[in-house]
């Protein structure tokens, strides 16, 4: 289980949570003070279908506001998820605990500081066999490789991913590694803003794994981030992804804070029913 106790200061933690909103925009959003409802009907990813709270002190009228948010999610046909971070007000946590909400999606946010970012960077001149590509090329290669999991590369999932990435207003970076015949071996997506580099989808073709390509793709992102003046790199890694955690640890990333999702019983039932009705290759909440 990830360590939920943050090792970062509140200002840095909040900046990273804001970068998460900017780096992977939802289709729709509703703001109530520091409460941000992210809604993307038809997209199974929880990161764009959850309630995010950006200030632990904004717990006023928590039960009433929570009820209104749950109605909002239901109106948009999206199962309600609370993204529980160190910024979540204790009033919301108490409601979730008291009512026995399901806890799922254990994830860490890992960070790499400026000195390590610079030391680990390589020249971003293409000599590493990795080149920047446009969004369309990235999406095509991501699908060809097989993505990060099976359900991420269905026709609908790729369409939703392209739409979400097309909404990114800050600097988006997409890189591709190819074999000698020009077939895609690996891709990586990163977003740079306000001196921070967020590394998102890293995918390597199965037969090319465990040969250092994933590390090279991440390092290329770090090099680009350093060249753009980024002082901090960050990424999200789930608790069960042991291979990715080992890779990022070798590169120098360390745990910054943990988060998970909380679901009321009716939302958990809705998610379970949706997964049962979905074809096997399209299951998963992302």
Protein backbone atom coordinates (compact mmCIF):
# COMPACT_ATOMS: atom_id res chain seq x y z
CA UNK A 1 0.00 0.00 0.00
CA UNK A 2 1.42 3.45 -0.85
CA UNK A 3 2.46 5.75 1.94
CA UNK A 4 -0.22 8.45 2.21
CA UNK A 5 1.92 10.58 4.55
CA UNK A 6 3.37 13.33 2.31
CA UNK A 7 7.08 14.12 2.27
CA UNK A 8 6.43 17.35 0.36
CA UNK A 9 5.43 20.78 1.61
CA UNK A 10 1.81 21.84 1.21
CA UNK A 11 2.62 24.42 -1.50
CA UNK A 12 4.49 21.86 -3.64
CA UNK A 13 1.81 19.24 -3.12
CA UNK A 14 -0.91 21.66 -4.20
CA UNK A 15 1.10 22.72 -7.25
CA UNK A 16 1.43 19.07 -8.30
CA UNK A 17 -2.29 18.45 -7.86
CA UNK A 18 -3.00 21.51 -10.02
CA UNK A 19 -0.53 20.23 -12.60
CA UNK A 20 -2.42 16.94 -12.64
CA UNK A 21 -5.62 18.81 -13.53
CA UNK A 22 -3.85 20.76 -16.29
CA UNK A 23 -1.85 17.86 -17.67
CA UNK A 24 -4.80 15.57 -18.29
CA UNK A 25 -7.96 17.68 -18.65
CA UNK A 26 -11.43 16.26 -18.17
CA UNK A 27 -14.16 16.80 -20.73
CA UNK A 28 -16.27 18.79 -18.27
CA UNK A 29 -15.61 20.37 -14.89
CA UNK A 30 -17.62 22.06 -12.16
CA UNK A 31 -15.92 24.17 -9.46
CA UNK A 32 -17.27 24.85 -5.98
CA UNK A 33 -14.64 26.70 -3.98
CA UNK A 34 -11.66 24.34 -3.79
CA UNK A 35 -13.84 21.40 -4.89
CA UNK A 36 -13.34 20.44 -8.55
CA UNK A 37 -15.62 17.87 -10.14
CA UNK A 38 -13.96 16.28 -13.17
CA UNK A 39 -16.39 14.61 -15.57
CA UNK A 40 -15.70 12.69 -18.78
CA UNK A 41 -18.75 10.53 -19.60
CA UNK A 42 -17.83 7.40 -21.52
CA UNK A 43 -14.20 7.51 -20.41
CA UNK A 44 -13.41 4.82 -17.79
CA UNK A 45 -10.38 6.68 -16.34
CA UNK A 46 -10.94 7.70 -12.73
CA UNK A 47 -8.51 10.60 -12.97
CA UNK A 48 -10.96 12.44 -15.25
CA UNK A 49 -14.07 11.24 -13.41
CA UNK A 50 -13.57 12.18 -9.78
CA UNK A 51 -14.04 14.87 -7.17
CA UNK A 52 -10.74 16.60 -6.39
CA UNK A 53 -10.42 19.00 -3.46
CA UNK A 54 -7.48 21.40 -3.57
CA UNK A 55 -7.57 22.82 -0.02
CA UNK A 56 -7.78 20.78 3.21
CA UNK A 57 -9.40 23.77 4.95
CA UNK A 58 -12.38 23.91 2.57
CA UNK A 59 -14.60 21.48 4.44
CA UNK A 60 -17.51 23.83 5.13
CA UNK A 61 -21.00 22.38 4.64
CA UNK A 62 -19.28 19.18 3.54
CA UNK A 63 -22.32 16.91 3.66
CA UNK A 64 -24.58 19.23 1.67
CA UNK A 65 -21.92 19.97 -0.95
CA UNK A 66 -21.06 16.30 -1.21
CA UNK A 67 -24.70 15.42 -1.84
CA UNK A 68 -24.86 18.05 -4.58
CA UNK A 69 -21.70 16.67 -6.17
CA UNK A 70 -23.09 13.13 -6.14
CA UNK A 71 -26.23 14.37 -7.92
CA UNK A 72 -24.00 16.10 -10.46
CA UNK A 73 -22.07 12.90 -11.19
CA UNK A 74 -25.30 10.90 -11.52
CA UNK A 75 -26.74 13.51 -13.90
CA UNK A 76 -23.71 13.07 -16.14
CA UNK A 77 -23.83 9.25 -15.98
CA UNK A 78 -20.51 8.98 -14.15
CA UNK A 79 -19.94 6.81 -11.02
CA UNK A 80 -18.90 9.06 -8.13
CA UNK A 81 -15.27 8.83 -7.02
CA UNK A 82 -13.56 10.99 -4.40
CA UNK A 83 -9.86 11.35 -5.15
CA UNK A 84 -8.46 11.20 -1.63
CA UNK A 85 -5.17 13.13 -1.33
CA UNK A 86 -3.46 14.93 1.58
CA UNK A 87 -5.47 17.98 0.45
CA UNK A 88 -8.82 16.30 1.13
CA UNK A 89 -10.60 18.08 4.03
CA UNK A 90 -11.00 15.97 7.19
CA UNK A 91 -14.76 16.58 7.08
CA UNK A 92 -14.95 14.62 3.81
CA UNK A 93 -12.68 11.88 5.14
CA UNK A 94 -14.89 11.49 8.22
CA UNK A 95 -18.01 11.07 6.06
CA UNK A 96 -16.29 8.45 3.88
CA UNK A 97 -15.00 6.57 6.92
CA UNK A 98 -18.27 6.71 8.83
CA UNK A 99 -20.30 5.49 5.87
CA UNK A 100 -17.83 2.71 5.00
CA UNK A 101 -16.89 3.92 1.55
CA UNK A 102 -14.80 1.55 -0.56
CA UNK A 103 -11.09 2.38 -0.89
CA UNK A 104 -9.40 1.54 -4.19
CA UNK A 105 -6.75 2.64 -6.70
CA UNK A 106 -3.78 2.96 -4.34
CA UNK A 107 -1.24 5.19 -6.08
CA UNK A 108 1.95 7.10 -5.28
CA UNK A 109 3.08 10.41 -6.70
CA UNK A 110 6.86 10.25 -7.03
CA UNK A 111 9.16 13.21 -7.57
CA UNK A 112 12.67 13.96 -8.81
CA UNK A 113 14.34 17.16 -7.63
CA UNK A 114 16.18 19.69 -9.80
CA UNK A 115 19.72 18.50 -9.02
CA UNK A 116 18.83 14.89 -9.80
CA UNK A 117 16.90 15.98 -12.88
CA UNK A 118 19.92 17.77 -14.29
CA UNK A 119 22.36 15.01 -13.35
CA UNK A 120 20.23 12.31 -14.94
CA UNK A 121 19.50 14.20 -18.14
CA UNK A 122 21.10 13.40 -21.47
CA UNK A 123 21.46 15.60 -24.50
CA UNK A 124 18.08 16.10 -26.16
CA UNK A 125 19.61 15.98 -29.65
CA UNK A 126 18.16 12.70 -30.91
CA UNK A 127 21.38 10.75 -30.39
CA UNK A 128 19.46 8.42 -28.08
CA UNK A 129 17.37 7.11 -30.99
CA UNK A 130 14.25 8.76 -29.63
CA UNK A 131 12.45 11.54 -31.47
CA UNK A 132 9.62 13.95 -30.71
CA UNK A 133 6.37 13.27 -32.59
CA UNK A 134 2.98 14.91 -33.00
CA UNK A 135 -0.10 13.79 -31.10
CA UNK A 136 -1.56 11.74 -33.95
CA UNK A 137 1.68 9.76 -34.36
CA UNK A 138 1.88 9.22 -30.61
CA UNK A 139 -1.69 7.87 -30.41
CA UNK A 140 -1.14 5.54 -33.37
CA UNK A 141 2.11 4.20 -31.92
CA UNK A 142 0.57 3.86 -28.44
CA UNK A 143 -2.17 1.69 -29.91
CA UNK A 144 0.22 -0.39 -32.01
CA UNK A 145 2.45 -1.10 -29.02
CA UNK A 146 -0.50 -2.18 -26.91
CA UNK A 147 -0.58 0.81 -24.57
CA UNK A 148 -0.21 0.52 -20.84
CA UNK A 149 -2.90 -2.16 -20.59
CA UNK A 150 -5.32 -3.97 -22.88
CA UNK A 151 -8.36 -1.81 -22.23
CA UNK A 152 -6.38 1.38 -22.98
CA UNK A 153 -6.08 0.58 -26.70
CA UNK A 154 -9.64 -0.16 -27.76
CA UNK A 155 -10.86 2.13 -30.53
CA UNK A 156 -12.99 4.09 -28.07
CA UNK A 157 -10.22 4.35 -25.46
CA UNK A 158 -7.72 5.67 -28.02
CA UNK A 159 -10.28 8.17 -29.25
CA UNK A 160 -10.92 9.38 -25.71
CA UNK A 161 -7.18 9.61 -25.02
CA UNK A 162 -6.61 11.70 -28.15
CA UNK A 163 -9.48 13.99 -27.20
CA UNK A 164 -8.18 14.45 -23.66
CA UNK A 165 -4.61 15.15 -24.79
CA UNK A 166 -5.91 17.52 -27.44
CA UNK A 167 -7.35 19.65 -24.64
CA UNK A 168 -3.98 20.11 -22.92
CA UNK A 169 -3.33 23.87 -22.92
CA UNK A 170 0.19 23.75 -21.43
CA UNK A 171 3.27 22.32 -23.19
CA UNK A 172 2.75 18.70 -24.21
CA UNK A 173 5.76 16.50 -25.05
CA UNK A 174 5.42 13.20 -26.93
CA UNK A 175 8.36 10.96 -27.83
CA UNK A 176 8.71 7.80 -29.92
CA UNK A 177 11.39 5.10 -30.15
CA UNK A 178 11.43 2.89 -33.28
CA UNK A 179 13.26 -0.21 -34.45
CA UNK A 180 15.45 -0.33 -37.55
CA UNK A 181 12.38 -0.85 -39.74
CA UNK A 182 10.55 2.15 -38.32
CA UNK A 183 8.10 0.11 -36.23
CA UNK A 184 7.27 1.67 -32.84
CA UNK A 185 9.08 0.21 -29.84
CA UNK A 186 8.06 2.67 -27.13
CA UNK A 187 6.36 5.97 -26.45
CA UNK A 188 6.16 8.41 -23.58
CA UNK A 189 4.05 11.47 -22.83
CA UNK A 190 5.05 14.38 -20.61
CA UNK A 191 3.65 17.81 -19.81
CA UNK A 192 5.77 20.81 -18.79
CA UNK A 193 4.45 23.83 -16.92
CA UNK A 194 5.56 26.27 -14.22
CA UNK A 195 8.95 24.60 -13.82
CA UNK A 196 7.48 21.11 -13.36
CA UNK A 197 7.57 18.12 -15.67
CA UNK A 198 4.78 15.55 -15.37
CA UNK A 199 5.48 12.17 -16.97
CA UNK A 200 2.33 10.31 -17.98
CA UNK A 201 1.81 7.33 -20.28
CA UNK A 202 4.98 5.28 -20.79
CA UNK A 203 4.46 2.22 -23.00
CA UNK A 204 7.04 -0.23 -24.38
CA UNK A 205 6.36 -3.08 -26.81
CA UNK A 206 6.39 -6.39 -24.87
CA UNK A 207 9.38 -7.87 -26.68
CA UNK A 208 11.40 -4.68 -26.13
CA UNK A 209 10.91 -4.60 -22.36
CA UNK A 210 13.63 -5.15 -19.75
CA UNK A 211 16.25 -3.83 -22.15
CA UNK A 212 16.53 -0.29 -20.82
CA UNK A 213 14.21 1.39 -23.32
CA UNK A 214 11.73 2.56 -20.68
CA UNK A 215 14.55 4.24 -18.77
CA UNK A 216 15.81 5.88 -21.97
CA UNK A 217 12.36 7.25 -22.77
CA UNK A 218 11.94 8.68 -19.26
CA UNK A 219 15.46 10.10 -19.34
CA UNK A 220 14.71 11.79 -22.65
CA UNK A 221 11.74 13.47 -21.00
CA UNK A 222 13.95 14.56 -18.11
CA UNK A 223 16.45 16.02 -20.57
CA UNK A 224 13.73 17.97 -22.34
CA UNK A 225 12.35 19.16 -19.02
CA UNK A 226 15.77 20.31 -17.84
CA UNK A 227 16.29 22.15 -21.12
CA UNK A 228 12.98 23.94 -20.55
CA UNK A 229 13.95 24.98 -17.03
CA UNK A 230 11.90 22.42 -15.11
CA UNK A 231 13.00 22.17 -11.48
CA UNK A 232 10.90 19.16 -10.52
CA UNK A 233 9.75 16.03 -12.33
CA UNK A 234 6.80 14.00 -11.12
CA UNK A 235 4.76 10.95 -12.06
CA UNK A 236 2.03 8.67 -10.72
CA UNK A 237 2.63 4.96 -10.17
CA UNK A 238 0.10 2.44 -8.87
CA UNK A 239 0.81 0.19 -5.91
CA UNK A 240 0.67 -3.04 -7.94
CA UNK A 241 2.98 -1.92 -10.76
CA UNK A 242 6.20 -3.36 -9.33
CA UNK A 243 8.14 -3.14 -12.61
CA UNK A 244 7.41 0.56 -13.07
CA UNK A 245 8.21 1.33 -9.44
CA UNK A 246 11.58 -0.41 -9.75
CA UNK A 247 12.34 1.51 -12.95
CA UNK A 248 11.49 4.91 -11.50
CA UNK A 249 13.38 4.16 -8.29
CA UNK A 250 16.51 3.33 -10.31
CA UNK A 251 16.24 6.63 -12.15
CA UNK A 252 16.09 8.47 -8.84
CA UNK A 253 12.42 9.19 -8.19
CA UNK A 254 11.23 9.11 -4.57
CA UNK A 255 7.80 9.03 -2.98
CA UNK A 256 6.19 12.44 -2.52
CA UNK A 257 2.70 11.48 -1.36
CA UNK A 258 0.00 8.88 -1.88
CA UNK A 259 -3.58 9.05 -3.02
CA UNK A 260 -6.47 6.67 -3.58
CA UNK A 261 -10.15 6.77 -4.46
CA UNK A 262 -13.16 6.48 -2.17
CA UNK A 263 -16.52 5.27 -3.47
CA UNK A 264 -19.89 5.25 -1.69
CA UNK A 265 -21.54 1.85 -1.76
CA UNK A 266 -23.99 2.80 -4.52
CA UNK A 267 -21.14 4.09 -6.72
CA UNK A 268 -19.11 0.93 -6.08
CA UNK A 269 -22.11 -1.11 -7.18
CA UNK A 270 -22.47 0.99 -10.33
CA UNK A 271 -18.80 0.46 -11.21
CA UNK A 272 -19.09 -3.30 -10.63
CA UNK A 273 -22.19 -3.53 -12.84
CA UNK A 274 -20.51 -1.52 -15.60
CA UNK A 275 -17.45 -3.80 -15.58
CA UNK A 276 -19.60 -6.92 -15.74
CA UNK A 277 -21.49 -5.60 -18.77
CA UNK A 278 -18.37 -4.47 -20.61
CA UNK A 279 -16.53 -6.90 -22.95
CA UNK A 280 -13.53 -8.52 -21.25
CA UNK A 281 -10.99 -6.57 -23.33
CA UNK A 282 -12.55 -3.24 -22.34
CA UNK A 283 -12.64 -3.73 -18.58
CA UNK A 284 -10.75 -1.53 -16.13
CA UNK A 285 -11.21 1.90 -14.57
CA UNK A 286 -7.82 3.40 -15.41
